[in-house]
């Protein structure tokens, strides 16, 4: 069974972290940029709209996606809406 939700990017946070250097020795680390994409459920005061129906089904929640992959964080735009499908791994 799949459960679909609809979320909106509320903010994108930038920070830095230290990770083990790829191909390096166990004690070699490098500083990398991290982006955290914060998504919240969509909302609409119109209960007949798609966002109103999603809001009625899931009016609260938060998804935080932290990544050091620029290709991943560039796929998200502030203020844009995204479908999120939850599929159980068998």
PDB file of N, CA and C in Angstrom:
ATOM      1  N   UNK A   1       0.835  -1.178   0.000  1.00  0.00           N
ATOM      2  CA  UNK A   1       0.000   0.000   0.000  1.00  0.00           C
ATOM      3  C   UNK A   1       0.881   1.243   0.000  1.00  0.00           C
ATOM      4  N   UNK A   2       0.475   2.240  -0.758  1.00  0.00           N
ATOM      5  CA  UNK A   2       1.186   3.509  -0.829  1.00  0.00           C
ATOM      6  C   UNK A   2       0.330   4.602  -0.201  1.00  0.00           C
ATOM      7  N   UNK A   3       0.957   5.442   0.590  1.00  0.00           N
ATOM      8  CA  UNK A   3       0.289   6.612   1.156  1.00  0.00           C
ATOM      9  C   UNK A   3       0.937   7.838   0.537  1.00  0.00           C
ATOM     10  N   UNK A   4       0.130   8.707  -0.056  1.00  0.00           N
ATOM     11  CA  UNK A   4       0.650   9.912  -0.690  1.00  0.00           C
ATOM     12  C   UNK A   4       0.323  11.119   0.179  1.00  0.00           C
ATOM     13  N   UNK A   5       1.309  11.972   0.346  1.00  0.00           N
ATOM     14  CA  UNK A   5       1.140  13.227   1.061  1.00  0.00           C
ATOM     15  C   UNK A   5       1.612  14.348   0.143  1.00  0.00           C
ATOM     16  N   UNK A   6       1.265  15.574   0.491  1.00  0.00           N
ATOM     17  CA  UNK A   6       1.696  16.721  -0.306  1.00  0.00           C
ATOM     18  C   UNK A   6       2.298  17.749   0.643  1.00  0.00           C
ATOM     19  N   UNK A   7       3.546  18.097   0.406  1.00  0.00           N
ATOM     20  CA  UNK A   7       4.299  18.978   1.290  1.00  0.00           C
ATOM     21  C   UNK A   7       4.858  20.173   0.524  1.00  0.00           C
ATOM     22  N   UNK A   8       5.110  21.238   1.266  1.00  0.00           N
ATOM     23  CA  UNK A   8       5.644  22.475   0.700  1.00  0.00           C
ATOM     24  C   UNK A   8       6.975  22.804   1.370  1.00  0.00           C
ATOM     25  N   UNK A   9       7.958  23.242   0.578  1.00  0.00           N
ATOM     26  CA  UNK A   9       9.260  23.617   1.128  1.00  0.00           C
ATOM     27  C   UNK A   9       9.107  24.947   1.875  1.00  0.00           C
ATOM     28  N   UNK A  10       9.293  24.904   3.188  1.00  0.00           N
ATOM     29  CA  UNK A  10       9.161  26.086   4.031  1.00  0.00           C
ATOM     30  C   UNK A  10      10.479  26.847   4.162  1.00  0.00           C
ATOM     31  N   UNK A  11      11.565  26.081   4.230  1.00  0.00           N
ATOM     32  CA  UNK A  11      12.876  26.737   4.332  1.00  0.00           C
ATOM     33  C   UNK A  11      13.971  25.759   3.914  1.00  0.00           C
ATOM     34  N   UNK A  12      15.097  26.337   3.546  1.00  0.00           N
ATOM     35  CA  UNK A  12      16.290  25.572   3.199  1.00  0.00           C
ATOM     36  C   UNK A  12      17.420  26.138   4.032  1.00  0.00           C
ATOM     37  N   UNK A  13      17.985  25.301   4.878  1.00  0.00           N
ATOM     38  CA  UNK A  13      19.033  25.730   5.800  1.00  0.00           C
ATOM     39  C   UNK A  13      20.392  25.275   5.283  1.00  0.00           C
ATOM     40  N   UNK A  14      21.390  26.112   5.452  1.00  0.00           N
ATOM     41  CA  UNK A  14      22.755  25.764   5.041  1.00  0.00           C
ATOM     42  C   UNK A  14      23.640  25.685   6.280  1.00  0.00           C
ATOM     43  N   UNK A  15      24.493  24.680   6.301  1.00  0.00           N
ATOM     44  CA  UNK A  15      25.451  24.522   7.391  1.00  0.00           C
ATOM     45  C   UNK A  15      26.646  23.743   6.853  1.00  0.00           C
ATOM     46  N   UNK A  16      27.548  23.399   7.746  1.00  0.00           N
ATOM     47  CA  UNK A  16      28.714  22.616   7.356  1.00  0.00           C
ATOM     48  C   UNK A  16      28.883  21.464   8.334  1.00  0.00           C
ATOM     49  N   UNK A  17      29.498  20.405   7.854  1.00  0.00           N
ATOM     50  CA  UNK A  17      29.815  19.266   8.708  1.00  0.00           C
ATOM     51  C   UNK A  17      31.113  18.638   8.224  1.00  0.00           C
ATOM     52  N   UNK A  18      31.679  17.808   9.058  1.00  0.00           N
ATOM     53  CA  UNK A  18      32.901  17.100   8.710  1.00  0.00           C
ATOM     54  C   UNK A  18      32.554  15.658   8.380  1.00  0.00           C
ATOM     55  N   UNK A  19      33.061  15.184   7.249  1.00  0.00           N
ATOM     56  CA  UNK A  19      32.854  13.799   6.843  1.00  0.00           C
ATOM     57  C   UNK A  19      34.195  13.163   6.500  1.00  0.00           C
ATOM     58  N   UNK A  20      34.206  11.825   6.535  1.00  0.00           N
ATOM     59  CA  UNK A  20      35.430  11.113   6.164  1.00  0.00           C
ATOM     60  C   UNK A  20      35.704  11.354   4.680  1.00  0.00           C
ATOM     61  N   UNK A  21      36.935  11.669   4.349  1.00  0.00           N
ATOM     62  CA  UNK A  21      37.329  11.950   2.970  1.00  0.00           C
ATOM     63  C   UNK A  21      37.248  10.671   2.148  1.00  0.00           C
ATOM     64  N   UNK A  22      36.558  10.750   0.996  1.00  0.00           N
ATOM     65  CA  UNK A  22      36.443   9.572   0.141  1.00  0.00           C
ATOM     66  C   UNK A  22      37.806   9.158  -0.382  1.00  0.00           C
ATOM     67  N   UNK A  23      38.089   7.873  -0.252  1.00  0.00           N
ATOM     68  CA  UNK A  23      39.355   7.346  -0.737  1.00  0.00           C
ATOM     69  C   UNK A  23      40.523   7.651   0.183  1.00  0.00           C
ATOM     70  N   UNK A  24      40.266   8.356   1.271  1.00  0.00           N
ATOM     71  CA  UNK A  24      41.340   8.714   2.204  1.00  0.00           C
ATOM     72  C   UNK A  24      41.467   7.704   3.328  1.00  0.00           C
ATOM     73  N   UNK A  25      42.450   7.903   4.145  1.00  0.00           N
ATOM     74  CA  UNK A  25      42.653   7.045   5.310  1.00  0.00           C
ATOM     75  C   UNK A  25      41.537   7.310   6.321  1.00  0.00           C
ATOM     76  N   UNK A  26      41.403   6.403   7.280  1.00  0.00           N
ATOM     77  CA  UNK A  26      40.343   6.520   8.284  1.00  0.00           C
ATOM     78  C   UNK A  26      40.401   7.827   9.064  1.00  0.00           C
ATOM     79  N   UNK A  27      41.564   8.420   9.148  1.00  0.00           N
ATOM     80  CA  UNK A  27      41.705   9.642   9.941  1.00  0.00           C
ATOM     81  C   UNK A  27      41.711  10.910   9.082  1.00  0.00           C
ATOM     82  N   UNK A  28      41.318  10.816   7.818  1.00  0.00           N
ATOM     83  CA  UNK A  28      41.279  11.984   6.945  1.00  0.00           C
ATOM     84  C   UNK A  28      39.831  12.451   6.783  1.00  0.00           C
ATOM     85  N   UNK A  29      39.605  13.702   7.127  1.00  0.00           N
ATOM     86  CA  UNK A  29      38.262  14.276   7.068  1.00  0.00           C
ATOM     87  C   UNK A  29      38.280  15.564   6.272  1.00  0.00           C
ATOM     88  N   UNK A  30      37.115  15.944   5.780  1.00  0.00           N
ATOM     89  CA  UNK A  30      36.994  17.211   5.062  1.00  0.00           C
ATOM     90  C   UNK A  30      35.702  17.909   5.481  1.00  0.00           C
ATOM     91  N   UNK A  31      35.695  19.213   5.369  1.00  0.00           N
ATOM     92  CA  UNK A  31      34.535  20.035   5.680  1.00  0.00           C
ATOM     93  C   UNK A  31      33.670  20.128   4.430  1.00  0.00           C
ATOM     94  N   UNK A  32      32.372  19.828   4.554  1.00  0.00           N
ATOM     95  CA  UNK A  32      31.469  19.872   3.412  1.00  0.00           C
ATOM     96  C   UNK A  32      30.231  20.687   3.760  1.00  0.00           C
ATOM     97  N   UNK A  33      29.576  21.206   2.723  1.00  0.00           N
ATOM     98  CA  UNK A  33      28.344  21.960   2.913  1.00  0.00           C
ATOM     99  C   UNK A  33      27.169  20.992   3.035  1.00  0.00           C
ATOM    100  N   UNK A  34      26.254  21.311   3.939  1.00  0.00           N
ATOM    101  CA  UNK A  34      25.041  20.537   4.138  1.00  0.00           C
ATOM    102  C   UNK A  34      23.859  21.459   3.891  1.00  0.00           C
ATOM    103  N   UNK A  35      22.858  20.981   3.181  1.00  0.00           N
ATOM    104  CA  UNK A  35      21.601  21.719   3.050  1.00  0.00           C
ATOM    105  C   UNK A  35      20.517  20.858   3.672  1.00  0.00           C
ATOM    106  N   UNK A  36      19.701  21.477   4.495  1.00  0.00           N
ATOM    107  CA  UNK A  36      18.562  20.789   5.097  1.00  0.00           C
ATOM    108  C   UNK A  36      17.298  21.404   4.521  1.00  0.00           C
ATOM    109  N   UNK A  37      16.526  20.584   3.842  1.00  0.00           N
ATOM    110  CA  UNK A  37      15.267  21.027   3.247  1.00  0.00           C
ATOM    111  C   UNK A  37      14.164  20.689   4.246  1.00  0.00           C
ATOM    112  N   UNK A  38      13.396  21.707   4.646  1.00  0.00           N
ATOM    113  CA  UNK A  38      12.329  21.525   5.633  1.00  0.00           C
ATOM    114  C   UNK A  38      10.985  21.680   4.918  1.00  0.00           C
ATOM    115  N   UNK A  39      10.183  20.632   4.959  1.00  0.00           N
ATOM    116  CA  UNK A  39       8.885  20.617   4.291  1.00  0.00           C
ATOM    117  C   UNK A  39       7.767  20.468   5.321  1.00  0.00           C
ATOM    118  N   UNK A  40       6.652  21.154   5.068  1.00  0.00           N
ATOM    119  CA  UNK A  40       5.469  21.088   5.919  1.00  0.00           C
ATOM    120  C   UNK A  40       4.272  20.733   5.043  1.00  0.00           C
ATOM    121  N   UNK A  41       3.186  20.165   5.642  1.00  0.00           N
ATOM    122  CA  UNK A  41       2.005  19.830   4.851  1.00  0.00           C
ATOM    123  C   UNK A  41       1.418  21.064   4.169  1.00  0.00           C
ATOM    124  N   UNK A  42       0.863  20.861   2.978  1.00  0.00           N
ATOM    125  CA  UNK A  42       0.218  21.960   2.257  1.00  0.00           C
ATOM    126  C   UNK A  42      -1.068  22.346   2.979  1.00  0.00           C
ATOM    127  N   UNK A  43      -1.554  23.549   2.682  1.00  0.00           N
ATOM    128  CA  UNK A  43      -2.786  24.045   3.311  1.00  0.00           C
ATOM    129  C   UNK A  43      -3.591  24.842   2.294  1.00  0.00           C
ATOM    130  N   UNK A  44      -4.892  24.763   2.422  1.00  0.00           N
ATOM    131  CA  UNK A  44      -5.801  25.633   1.689  1.00  0.00           C
ATOM    132  C   UNK A  44      -7.076  25.777   2.510  1.00  0.00           C
ATOM    133  N   UNK A  45      -7.624  26.984   2.588  1.00  0.00           N
ATOM    134  CA  UNK A  45      -8.896  27.151   3.302  1.00  0.00           C
ATOM    135  C   UNK A  45     -10.082  26.574   2.519  1.00  0.00           C
ATOM    136  N   UNK A  46      -9.858  26.247   1.247  1.00  0.00           N
ATOM    137  CA  UNK A  46     -10.911  25.684   0.406  1.00  0.00           C
ATOM    138  C   UNK A  46     -10.898  24.159   0.539  1.00  0.00           C
ATOM    139  N   UNK A  47     -11.853  23.572   1.266  1.00  0.00           N
ATOM    140  CA  UNK A  47     -11.828  22.124   1.481  1.00  0.00           C
ATOM    141  C   UNK A  47     -12.009  21.302   0.199  1.00  0.00           C
ATOM    142  N   UNK A  48     -12.497  21.923  -0.864  1.00  0.00           N
ATOM    143  CA  UNK A  48     -12.690  21.197  -2.127  1.00  0.00           C
ATOM    144  C   UNK A  48     -11.421  21.166  -2.981  1.00  0.00           C
ATOM    145  N   UNK A  49     -10.452  22.011  -2.660  1.00  0.00           N
ATOM    146  CA  UNK A  49      -9.206  22.044  -3.450  1.00  0.00           C
ATOM    147  C   UNK A  49      -8.329  20.848  -3.090  1.00  0.00           C
ATOM    148  N   UNK A  50      -7.380  20.547  -3.959  1.00  0.00           N
ATOM    149  CA  UNK A  50      -6.475  19.433  -3.673  1.00  0.00           C
ATOM    150  C   UNK A  50      -5.720  19.675  -2.368  1.00  0.00           C
ATOM    151  N   UNK A  51      -5.196  20.886  -2.179  1.00  0.00           N
ATOM    152  CA  UNK A  51      -4.461  21.167  -0.947  1.00  0.00           C
ATOM    153  C   UNK A  51      -5.364  21.088   0.275  1.00  0.00           C
ATOM    154  N   UNK A  52      -6.619  21.508   0.137  1.00  0.00           N
ATOM    155  CA  UNK A  52      -7.575  21.386   1.236  1.00  0.00           C
ATOM    156  C   UNK A  52      -7.844  19.936   1.603  1.00  0.00           C
ATOM    157  N   UNK A  53      -7.930  19.065   0.609  1.00  0.00           N
ATOM    158  CA  UNK A  53      -8.148  17.635   0.863  1.00  0.00           C
ATOM    159  C   UNK A  53      -6.923  17.002   1.517  1.00  0.00           C
ATOM    160  N   UNK A  54      -5.738  17.370   1.050  1.00  0.00           N
ATOM    161  CA  UNK A  54      -4.526  16.846   1.690  1.00  0.00           C
ATOM    162  C   UNK A  54      -4.431  17.346   3.126  1.00  0.00           C
ATOM    163  N   UNK A  55      -4.760  18.617   3.355  1.00  0.00           N
ATOM    164  CA  UNK A  55      -4.709  19.197   4.701  1.00  0.00           C
ATOM    165  C   UNK A  55      -5.658  18.460   5.634  1.00  0.00           C
ATOM    166  N   UNK A  56      -6.844  18.131   5.158  1.00  0.00           N
ATOM    167  CA  UNK A  56      -7.825  17.424   5.984  1.00  0.00           C
ATOM    168  C   UNK A  56      -7.321  16.042   6.393  1.00  0.00           C
ATOM    169  N   UNK A  57      -6.519  15.417   5.536  1.00  0.00           N
ATOM    170  CA  UNK A  57      -6.006  14.079   5.816  1.00  0.00           C
ATOM    171  C   UNK A  57      -4.736  14.096   6.662  1.00  0.00           C
ATOM    172  N   UNK A  58      -3.923  15.125   6.528  1.00  0.00           N
ATOM    173  CA  UNK A  58      -2.650  15.181   7.279  1.00  0.00           C
ATOM    174  C   UNK A  58      -2.318  16.637   7.604  1.00  0.00           C
ATOM    175  N   UNK A  59      -2.995  17.192   8.626  1.00  0.00           N
ATOM    176  CA  UNK A  59      -2.827  18.617   8.930  1.00  0.00           C
ATOM    177  C   UNK A  59      -1.565  18.974   9.709  1.00  0.00           C
ATOM    178  N   UNK A  60      -0.778  17.995  10.068  1.00  0.00           N
ATOM    179  CA  UNK A  60       0.449  18.330  10.783  1.00  0.00           C
ATOM    180  C   UNK A  60       1.563  17.399  10.338  1.00  0.00           C
ATOM    181  N   UNK A  61       2.770  17.803  10.609  1.00  0.00           N
ATOM    182  CA  UNK A  61       3.922  16.993  10.252  1.00  0.00           C
ATOM    183  C   UNK A  61       5.065  17.868   9.783  1.00  0.00           C
ATOM    184  N   UNK A  62       6.202  17.256   9.638  1.00  0.00           N
ATOM    185  CA  UNK A  62       7.389  17.956   9.155  1.00  0.00           C
ATOM    186  C   UNK A  62       8.342  16.908   8.600  1.00  0.00           C
ATOM    187  N   UNK A  63       8.938  17.226   7.476  1.00  0.00           N
ATOM    188  CA  UNK A  63       9.973  16.386   6.901  1.00  0.00           C
ATOM    189  C   UNK A  63      11.228  17.237   6.810  1.00  0.00           C
ATOM    190  N   UNK A  64      12.322  16.712   7.338  1.00  0.00           N
ATOM    191  CA  UNK A  64      13.620  17.373   7.219  1.00  0.00           C
ATOM    192  C   UNK A  64      14.547  16.435   6.464  1.00  0.00           C
ATOM    193  N   UNK A  65      15.064  16.916   5.356  1.00  0.00           N
ATOM    194  CA  UNK A  65      15.966  16.124   4.535  1.00  0.00           C
ATOM    195  C   UNK A  65      17.314  16.831   4.508  1.00  0.00           C
ATOM    196  N   UNK A  66      18.300  16.224   5.136  1.00  0.00           N
ATOM    197  CA  UNK A  66      19.647  16.789   5.133  1.00  0.00           C
ATOM    198  C   UNK A  66      20.502  16.063   4.111  1.00  0.00           C
ATOM    199  N   UNK A  67      21.201  16.812   3.267  1.00  0.00           N
ATOM    200  CA  UNK A  67      22.023  16.181   2.235  1.00  0.00           C
ATOM    201  C   UNK A  67      23.297  16.985   1.969  1.00  0.00           C
ATOM    202  N   UNK A  68      24.338  16.267   1.604  1.00  0.00           N
ATOM    203  CA  UNK A  68      25.583  16.914   1.187  1.00  0.00           C
ATOM    204  C   UNK A  68      25.734  16.838  -0.333  1.00  0.00           C
ATOM    205  N   UNK A  69      24.691  16.334  -1.002  1.00  0.00           N
ATOM    206  CA  UNK A  69      24.703  16.168  -2.457  1.00  0.00           C
ATOM    207  C   UNK A  69      24.052  17.387  -3.121  1.00  0.00           C
ATOM    208  N   UNK A  70      24.827  18.243  -3.787  1.00  0.00           N
ATOM    209  CA  UNK A  70      24.248  19.419  -4.442  1.00  0.00           C
ATOM    210  C   UNK A  70      23.163  19.072  -5.457  1.00  0.00           C
ATOM    211  N   UNK A  71      23.290  17.961  -6.169  1.00  0.00           N
ATOM    212  CA  UNK A  71      22.254  17.574  -7.130  1.00  0.00           C
ATOM    213  C   UNK A  71      20.928  17.315  -6.427  1.00  0.00           C
ATOM    214  N   UNK A  72      20.977  16.788  -5.216  1.00  0.00           N
ATOM    215  CA  UNK A  72      19.751  16.528  -4.459  1.00  0.00           C
ATOM    216  C   UNK A  72      19.139  17.830  -3.957  1.00  0.00           C
ATOM    217  N   UNK A  73      19.927  18.700  -3.331  1.00  0.00           N
ATOM    218  CA  UNK A  73      19.331  19.917  -2.771  1.00  0.00           C
ATOM    219  C   UNK A  73      18.857  20.881  -3.852  1.00  0.00           C
ATOM    220  N   UNK A  74      19.464  20.836  -5.026  1.00  0.00           N
ATOM    221  CA  UNK A  74      19.029  21.719  -6.109  1.00  0.00           C
ATOM    222  C   UNK A  74      17.688  21.299  -6.712  1.00  0.00           C
ATOM    223  N   UNK A  75      17.222  20.093  -6.380  1.00  0.00           N
ATOM    224  CA  UNK A  75      15.925  19.618  -6.872  1.00  0.00           C
ATOM    225  C   UNK A  75      14.763  20.252  -6.114  1.00  0.00           C
ATOM    226  N   UNK A  76      15.053  20.962  -5.013  1.00  0.00           N
ATOM    227  CA  UNK A  76      14.013  21.575  -4.186  1.00  0.00           C
ATOM    228  C   UNK A  76      14.057  23.090  -4.302  1.00  0.00           C
ATOM    229  N   UNK A  77      12.871  23.692  -4.449  1.00  0.00           N
ATOM    230  CA  UNK A  77      12.761  25.148  -4.535  1.00  0.00           C
ATOM    231  C   UNK A  77      11.913  25.653  -3.375  1.00  0.00           C
ATOM    232  N   UNK A  78      12.378  26.709  -2.744  1.00  0.00           N
ATOM    233  CA  UNK A  78      11.648  27.325  -1.643  1.00  0.00           C
ATOM    234  C   UNK A  78      10.254  27.717  -2.110  1.00  0.00           C
ATOM    235  N   UNK A  79       9.232  27.317  -1.345  1.00  0.00           N
ATOM    236  CA  UNK A  79       7.852  27.647  -1.670  1.00  0.00           C
ATOM    237  C   UNK A  79       7.173  26.688  -2.625  1.00  0.00           C
ATOM    238  N   UNK A  80       7.911  25.763  -3.212  1.00  0.00           N
ATOM    239  CA  UNK A  80       7.314  24.799  -4.135  1.00  0.00           C
ATOM    240  C   UNK A  80       6.711  23.630  -3.374  1.00  0.00           C
ATOM    241  N   UNK A  81       5.737  22.973  -4.007  1.00  0.00           N
ATOM    242  CA  UNK A  81       5.040  21.843  -3.404  1.00  0.00           C
ATOM    243  C   UNK A  81       5.486  20.543  -4.066  1.00  0.00           C
ATOM    244  N   UNK A  82       5.512  19.467  -3.241  1.00  0.00           N
ATOM    245  CA  UNK A  82       5.974  18.171  -3.716  1.00  0.00           C
ATOM    246  C   UNK A  82       5.080  17.070  -3.164  1.00  0.00           C
ATOM    247  N   UNK A  83       4.824  16.062  -3.982  1.00  0.00           N
ATOM    248  CA  UNK A  83       4.158  14.870  -3.505  1.00  0.00           C
ATOM    249  C   UNK A  83       5.218  13.993  -2.830  1.00  0.00           C
ATOM    250  N   UNK A  84       4.820  13.348  -1.749  1.00  0.00           N
ATOM    251  CA  UNK A  84       5.686  12.426  -1.042  1.00  0.00           C
ATOM    252  C   UNK A  84       4.941  11.091  -0.952  1.00  0.00           C
ATOM    253  N   UNK A  85       5.516  10.061  -1.524  1.00  0.00           N
ATOM    254  CA  UNK A  85       4.908   8.737  -1.486  1.00  0.00           C
ATOM    255  C   UNK A  85       5.643   7.860  -0.465  1.00  0.00           C
ATOM    256  N   UNK A  86       4.865   7.278   0.450  1.00  0.00           N
ATOM    257  CA  UNK A  86       5.401   6.366   1.434  1.00  0.00           C
ATOM    258  C   UNK A  86       5.038   4.945   0.998  1.00  0.00           C
ATOM    259  N   UNK A  87       6.057   4.166   0.712  1.00  0.00           N
ATOM    260  CA  UNK A  87       5.874   2.802   0.240  1.00  0.00           C
ATOM    261  C   UNK A  87       6.666   1.888   1.157  1.00  0.00           C
ATOM    262  N   UNK A  88       6.009   0.919   1.748  1.00  0.00           N
ATOM    263  CA  UNK A  88       6.683  -0.017   2.644  1.00  0.00           C
ATOM    264  C   UNK A  88       7.704  -0.852   1.878  1.00  0.00           C
ATOM    265  N   UNK A  89       8.876  -0.976   2.436  1.00  0.00           N
ATOM    266  CA  UNK A  89       9.918  -1.817   1.848  1.00  0.00           C
ATOM    267  C   UNK A  89       9.658  -3.248   2.254  1.00  0.00           C
ATOM    268  N   UNK A  90       9.570  -4.094   1.288  1.00  0.00           N
ATOM    269  CA  UNK A  90       9.294  -5.522   1.560  1.00  0.00           C
ATOM    270  C   UNK A  90      10.575  -6.311   1.585  1.00  0.00           C
TER     271      UNK A  90
END
